[in-house]
């Protein structure tokens, strides 16, 4: 449970916007388990790496 609303120990990254990418799902089976590469997951990794780098540089 987070005791205060602006707790700096936790970071939230909302990836639901990735569902609207045109290249998000492979064709013809548009299931939720297979994405085109490079695709949304690669972008999530870039954002995650950026956040970690910011934390390391601020420490």
PDB file of N, CA and C in Angstrom:
ATOM      1  N   UNK A   1       0.842  -1.173   0.000  1.00  0.00           N
ATOM      2  CA  UNK A   1       0.000   0.000   0.000  1.00  0.00           C
ATOM      3  C   UNK A   1       0.894   1.246   0.000  1.00  0.00           C
ATOM      4  N   UNK A   2       0.577   2.169  -0.838  1.00  0.00           N
ATOM      5  CA  UNK A   2       1.309   3.432  -0.892  1.00  0.00           C
ATOM      6  C   UNK A   2       0.675   4.389   0.102  1.00  0.00           C
ATOM      7  N   UNK A   3       1.470   4.864   1.048  1.00  0.00           N
ATOM      8  CA  UNK A   3       0.929   5.700   2.113  1.00  0.00           C
ATOM      9  C   UNK A   3       0.706   7.138   1.691  1.00  0.00           C
ATOM     10  N   UNK A   4       1.512   7.627   0.773  1.00  0.00           N
ATOM     11  CA  UNK A   4       1.303   8.993   0.315  1.00  0.00           C
ATOM     12  C   UNK A   4       1.216   9.000  -1.208  1.00  0.00           C
ATOM     13  N   UNK A   5       0.484   9.945  -1.735  1.00  0.00           N
ATOM     14  CA  UNK A   5       0.176   9.962  -3.162  1.00  0.00           C
ATOM     15  C   UNK A   5       1.400  10.218  -4.033  1.00  0.00           C
ATOM     16  N   UNK A   6       2.288  11.088  -3.628  1.00  0.00           N
ATOM     17  CA  UNK A   6       3.463  11.445  -4.424  1.00  0.00           C
ATOM     18  C   UNK A   6       4.713  10.767  -3.873  1.00  0.00           C
ATOM     19  N   UNK A   7       4.670   9.464  -3.765  1.00  0.00           N
ATOM     20  CA  UNK A   7       5.788   8.692  -3.235  1.00  0.00           C
ATOM     21  C   UNK A   7       6.831   8.494  -4.339  1.00  0.00           C
ATOM     22  N   UNK A   8       8.040   9.027  -4.150  1.00  0.00           N
ATOM     23  CA  UNK A   8       9.090   8.965  -5.163  1.00  0.00           C
ATOM     24  C   UNK A   8       9.697   7.577  -5.325  1.00  0.00           C
ATOM     25  N   UNK A   9       9.356   6.656  -4.440  1.00  0.00           N
ATOM     26  CA  UNK A   9       9.907   5.307  -4.553  1.00  0.00           C
ATOM     27  C   UNK A   9       9.234   4.501  -5.651  1.00  0.00           C
ATOM     28  N   UNK A  10       8.088   4.948  -6.123  1.00  0.00           N
ATOM     29  CA  UNK A  10       7.323   4.204  -7.113  1.00  0.00           C
ATOM     30  C   UNK A  10       7.149   5.025  -8.374  1.00  0.00           C
ATOM     31  N   UNK A  11       7.286   4.358  -9.505  1.00  0.00           N
ATOM     32  CA  UNK A  11       7.084   5.002 -10.798  1.00  0.00           C
ATOM     33  C   UNK A  11       6.074   4.176 -11.575  1.00  0.00           C
ATOM     34  N   UNK A  12       5.159   4.839 -12.224  1.00  0.00           N
ATOM     35  CA  UNK A  12       4.107   4.171 -12.976  1.00  0.00           C
ATOM     36  C   UNK A  12       4.276   4.489 -14.450  1.00  0.00           C
ATOM     37  N   UNK A  13       4.270   3.464 -15.266  1.00  0.00           N
ATOM     38  CA  UNK A  13       4.381   3.641 -16.709  1.00  0.00           C
ATOM     39  C   UNK A  13       3.175   2.977 -17.357  1.00  0.00           C
ATOM     40  N   UNK A  14       2.306   3.773 -17.906  1.00  0.00           N
ATOM     41  CA  UNK A  14       1.076   3.276 -18.513  1.00  0.00           C
ATOM     42  C   UNK A  14       1.362   2.860 -19.950  1.00  0.00           C
ATOM     43  N   UNK A  15       1.301   1.563 -20.224  1.00  0.00           N
ATOM     44  CA  UNK A  15       1.608   1.052 -21.561  1.00  0.00           C
ATOM     45  C   UNK A  15       0.361   0.786 -22.394  1.00  0.00           C
ATOM     46  N   UNK A  16      -0.804   1.123 -21.883  1.00  0.00           N
ATOM     47  CA  UNK A  16      -2.035   0.821 -22.617  1.00  0.00           C
ATOM     48  C   UNK A  16      -2.139   1.585 -23.929  1.00  0.00           C
ATOM     49  N   UNK A  17      -1.456   2.719 -24.063  1.00  0.00           N
ATOM     50  CA  UNK A  17      -1.492   3.468 -25.315  1.00  0.00           C
ATOM     51  C   UNK A  17      -0.860   2.651 -26.444  1.00  0.00           C
ATOM     52  N   UNK A  18      -0.004   1.704 -26.106  1.00  0.00           N
ATOM     53  CA  UNK A  18       0.646   0.874 -27.120  1.00  0.00           C
ATOM     54  C   UNK A  18      -0.342   0.001 -27.880  1.00  0.00           C
ATOM     55  N   UNK A  19      -1.500  -0.255 -27.298  1.00  0.00           N
ATOM     56  CA  UNK A  19      -2.502  -1.074 -27.979  1.00  0.00           C
ATOM     57  C   UNK A  19      -3.035  -0.407 -29.231  1.00  0.00           C
ATOM     58  N   UNK A  20      -2.873   0.891 -29.351  1.00  0.00           N
ATOM     59  CA  UNK A  20      -3.413   1.624 -30.491  1.00  0.00           C
ATOM     60  C   UNK A  20      -2.406   1.799 -31.624  1.00  0.00           C
ATOM     61  N   UNK A  21      -1.208   1.264 -31.457  1.00  0.00           N
ATOM     62  CA  UNK A  21      -0.211   1.352 -32.521  1.00  0.00           C
ATOM     63  C   UNK A  21      -0.627   0.467 -33.687  1.00  0.00           C
ATOM     64  N   UNK A  22      -0.410   0.947 -34.896  1.00  0.00           N
ATOM     65  CA  UNK A  22      -0.753   0.168 -36.077  1.00  0.00           C
ATOM     66  C   UNK A  22       0.107  -1.062 -36.251  1.00  0.00           C
ATOM     67  N   UNK A  23       1.338  -1.026 -35.747  1.00  0.00           N
ATOM     68  CA  UNK A  23       2.239  -2.165 -35.893  1.00  0.00           C
ATOM     69  C   UNK A  23       2.283  -3.037 -34.640  1.00  0.00           C
ATOM     70  N   UNK A  24       1.317  -2.874 -33.770  1.00  0.00           N
ATOM     71  CA  UNK A  24       1.362  -3.573 -32.492  1.00  0.00           C
ATOM     72  C   UNK A  24       1.155  -5.077 -32.630  1.00  0.00           C
ATOM     73  N   UNK A  25       0.282  -5.502 -33.508  1.00  0.00           N
ATOM     74  CA  UNK A  25      -0.038  -6.928 -33.600  1.00  0.00           C
ATOM     75  C   UNK A  25       0.326  -7.482 -34.963  1.00  0.00           C
ATOM     76  N   UNK A  26       0.749  -8.739 -34.940  1.00  0.00           N
ATOM     77  CA  UNK A  26       1.094  -9.405 -36.187  1.00  0.00           C
ATOM     78  C   UNK A  26      -0.176  -9.815 -36.925  1.00  0.00           C
ATOM     79  N   UNK A  27      -0.038  -9.999 -38.208  1.00  0.00           N
ATOM     80  CA  UNK A  27      -1.177 -10.395 -39.039  1.00  0.00           C
ATOM     81  C   UNK A  27      -0.929 -11.792 -39.578  1.00  0.00           C
ATOM     82  N   UNK A  28      -1.876 -12.608 -39.901  1.00  0.00           N
ATOM     83  CA  UNK A  28      -3.313 -12.354 -39.835  1.00  0.00           C
ATOM     84  C   UNK A  28      -3.907 -12.616 -38.461  1.00  0.00           C
ATOM     85  N   UNK A  29      -3.146 -13.277 -37.583  1.00  0.00           N
ATOM     86  CA  UNK A  29      -3.654 -13.571 -36.238  1.00  0.00           C
ATOM     87  C   UNK A  29      -3.393 -12.384 -35.336  1.00  0.00           C
ATOM     88  N   UNK A  30      -4.403 -11.591 -35.096  1.00  0.00           N
ATOM     89  CA  UNK A  30      -4.251 -10.390 -34.265  1.00  0.00           C
ATOM     90  C   UNK A  30      -4.497 -10.723 -32.802  1.00  0.00           C
ATOM     91  N   UNK A  31      -3.701 -11.648 -32.282  1.00  0.00           N
ATOM     92  CA  UNK A  31      -3.850 -11.987 -30.874  1.00  0.00           C
ATOM     93  C   UNK A  31      -3.010 -11.045 -30.021  1.00  0.00           C
ATOM     94  N   UNK A  32      -3.131 -11.172 -28.742  1.00  0.00           N
ATOM     95  CA  UNK A  32      -2.448 -10.257 -27.819  1.00  0.00           C
ATOM     96  C   UNK A  32      -1.073 -10.766 -27.406  1.00  0.00           C
ATOM     97  N   UNK A  33      -0.684 -11.940 -27.877  1.00  0.00           N
ATOM     98  CA  UNK A  33       0.577 -12.520 -27.440  1.00  0.00           C
ATOM     99  C   UNK A  33       1.725 -12.289 -28.408  1.00  0.00           C
ATOM    100  N   UNK A  34       1.418 -11.964 -29.658  1.00  0.00           N
ATOM    101  CA  UNK A  34       2.464 -11.820 -30.662  1.00  0.00           C
ATOM    102  C   UNK A  34       2.452 -10.412 -31.235  1.00  0.00           C
ATOM    103  N   UNK A  35       3.595  -9.758 -31.165  1.00  0.00           N
ATOM    104  CA  UNK A  35       3.725  -8.413 -31.724  1.00  0.00           C
ATOM    105  C   UNK A  35       4.824  -8.406 -32.770  1.00  0.00           C
ATOM    106  N   UNK A  36       4.768  -7.441 -33.650  1.00  0.00           N
ATOM    107  CA  UNK A  36       5.813  -7.275 -34.655  1.00  0.00           C
ATOM    108  C   UNK A  36       7.082  -6.772 -33.979  1.00  0.00           C
ATOM    109  N   UNK A  37       8.216  -7.141 -34.557  1.00  0.00           N
ATOM    110  CA  UNK A  37       9.487  -6.694 -34.011  1.00  0.00           C
ATOM    111  C   UNK A  37      10.218  -5.855 -35.039  1.00  0.00           C
ATOM    112  N   UNK A  38      10.807  -4.745 -34.713  1.00  0.00           N
ATOM    113  CA  UNK A  38      10.691  -4.082 -33.412  1.00  0.00           C
ATOM    114  C   UNK A  38       9.279  -3.548 -33.218  1.00  0.00           C
ATOM    115  N   UNK A  39       8.854  -3.526 -32.004  1.00  0.00           N
ATOM    116  CA  UNK A  39       7.479  -3.128 -31.713  1.00  0.00           C
ATOM    117  C   UNK A  39       7.342  -2.463 -30.364  1.00  0.00           C
ATOM    118  N   UNK A  40       6.155  -2.543 -29.799  1.00  0.00           N
ATOM    119  CA  UNK A  40       5.859  -1.838 -28.545  1.00  0.00           C
ATOM    120  C   UNK A  40       6.765  -2.232 -27.382  1.00  0.00           C
ATOM    121  N   UNK A  41       7.079  -3.502 -27.270  1.00  0.00           N
ATOM    122  CA  UNK A  41       7.900  -3.948 -26.141  1.00  0.00           C
ATOM    123  C   UNK A  41       9.290  -3.321 -26.210  1.00  0.00           C
ATOM    124  N   UNK A  42       9.811  -3.148 -27.406  1.00  0.00           N
ATOM    125  CA  UNK A  42      11.114  -2.491 -27.553  1.00  0.00           C
ATOM    126  C   UNK A  42      11.053  -1.042 -27.078  1.00  0.00           C
ATOM    127  N   UNK A  43       9.953  -0.373 -27.359  1.00  0.00           N
ATOM    128  CA  UNK A  43       9.784   1.001 -26.874  1.00  0.00           C
ATOM    129  C   UNK A  43       9.669   1.039 -25.358  1.00  0.00           C
ATOM    130  N   UNK A  44       8.982   0.052 -24.771  1.00  0.00           N
ATOM    131  CA  UNK A  44       8.884   0.003 -23.311  1.00  0.00           C
ATOM    132  C   UNK A  44      10.275  -0.134 -22.707  1.00  0.00           C
ATOM    133  N   UNK A  45      11.126  -0.960 -23.322  1.00  0.00           N
ATOM    134  CA  UNK A  45      12.494  -1.129 -22.820  1.00  0.00           C
ATOM    135  C   UNK A  45      13.287   0.165 -22.911  1.00  0.00           C
ATOM    136  N   UNK A  46      13.094   0.934 -23.973  1.00  0.00           N
ATOM    137  CA  UNK A  46      13.785   2.223 -24.108  1.00  0.00           C
ATOM    138  C   UNK A  46      13.350   3.188 -23.012  1.00  0.00           C
ATOM    139  N   UNK A  47      12.043   3.239 -22.745  1.00  0.00           N
ATOM    140  CA  UNK A  47      11.540   4.108 -21.678  1.00  0.00           C
ATOM    141  C   UNK A  47      12.071   3.657 -20.318  1.00  0.00           C
ATOM    142  N   UNK A  48      12.083   2.348 -20.075  1.00  0.00           N
ATOM    143  CA  UNK A  48      12.581   1.815 -18.811  1.00  0.00           C
ATOM    144  C   UNK A  48      14.064   2.153 -18.633  1.00  0.00           C
ATOM    145  N   UNK A  49      14.857   1.950 -19.686  1.00  0.00           N
ATOM    146  CA  UNK A  49      16.283   2.265 -19.625  1.00  0.00           C
ATOM    147  C   UNK A  49      16.495   3.749 -19.332  1.00  0.00           C
ATOM    148  N   UNK A  50      15.699   4.596 -19.953  1.00  0.00           N
ATOM    149  CA  UNK A  50      15.805   6.039 -19.727  1.00  0.00           C
ATOM    150  C   UNK A  50      15.518   6.384 -18.265  1.00  0.00           C
ATOM    151  N   UNK A  51      14.487   5.769 -17.695  1.00  0.00           N
ATOM    152  CA  UNK A  51      14.146   6.036 -16.292  1.00  0.00           C
ATOM    153  C   UNK A  51      15.254   5.565 -15.355  1.00  0.00           C
ATOM    154  N   UNK A  52      15.818   4.392 -15.631  1.00  0.00           N
ATOM    155  CA  UNK A  52      16.909   3.886 -14.795  1.00  0.00           C
ATOM    156  C   UNK A  52      18.121   4.805 -14.901  1.00  0.00           C
ATOM    157  N   UNK A  53      18.439   5.258 -16.100  1.00  0.00           N
ATOM    158  CA  UNK A  53      19.574   6.170 -16.284  1.00  0.00           C
ATOM    159  C   UNK A  53      19.359   7.473 -15.521  1.00  0.00           C
ATOM    160  N   UNK A  54      18.126   7.992 -15.524  1.00  0.00           N
ATOM    161  CA  UNK A  54      17.835   9.212 -14.760  1.00  0.00           C
ATOM    162  C   UNK A  54      18.049   8.984 -13.270  1.00  0.00           C
ATOM    163  N   UNK A  55      17.601   7.837 -12.761  1.00  0.00           N
ATOM    164  CA  UNK A  55      17.764   7.545 -11.340  1.00  0.00           C
ATOM    165  C   UNK A  55      19.236   7.410 -10.972  1.00  0.00           C
ATOM    166  N   UNK A  56      20.022   6.768 -11.816  1.00  0.00           N
ATOM    167  CA  UNK A  56      21.447   6.583 -11.541  1.00  0.00           C
ATOM    168  C   UNK A  56      22.171   7.924 -11.577  1.00  0.00           C
ATOM    169  N   UNK A  57      21.843   8.757 -12.528  1.00  0.00           N
ATOM    170  CA  UNK A  57      22.511  10.057 -12.652  1.00  0.00           C
ATOM    171  C   UNK A  57      22.140  11.011 -11.525  1.00  0.00           C
ATOM    172  N   UNK A  58      20.963  10.844 -10.943  1.00  0.00           N
ATOM    173  CA  UNK A  58      20.529  11.713  -9.844  1.00  0.00           C
ATOM    174  C   UNK A  58      21.028  11.224  -8.491  1.00  0.00           C
ATOM    175  N   UNK A  59      21.556  10.011  -8.447  1.00  0.00           N
ATOM    176  CA  UNK A  59      22.002   9.440  -7.164  1.00  0.00           C
ATOM    177  C   UNK A  59      23.356   9.961  -6.757  1.00  0.00           C
TER     178      UNK A  59
END
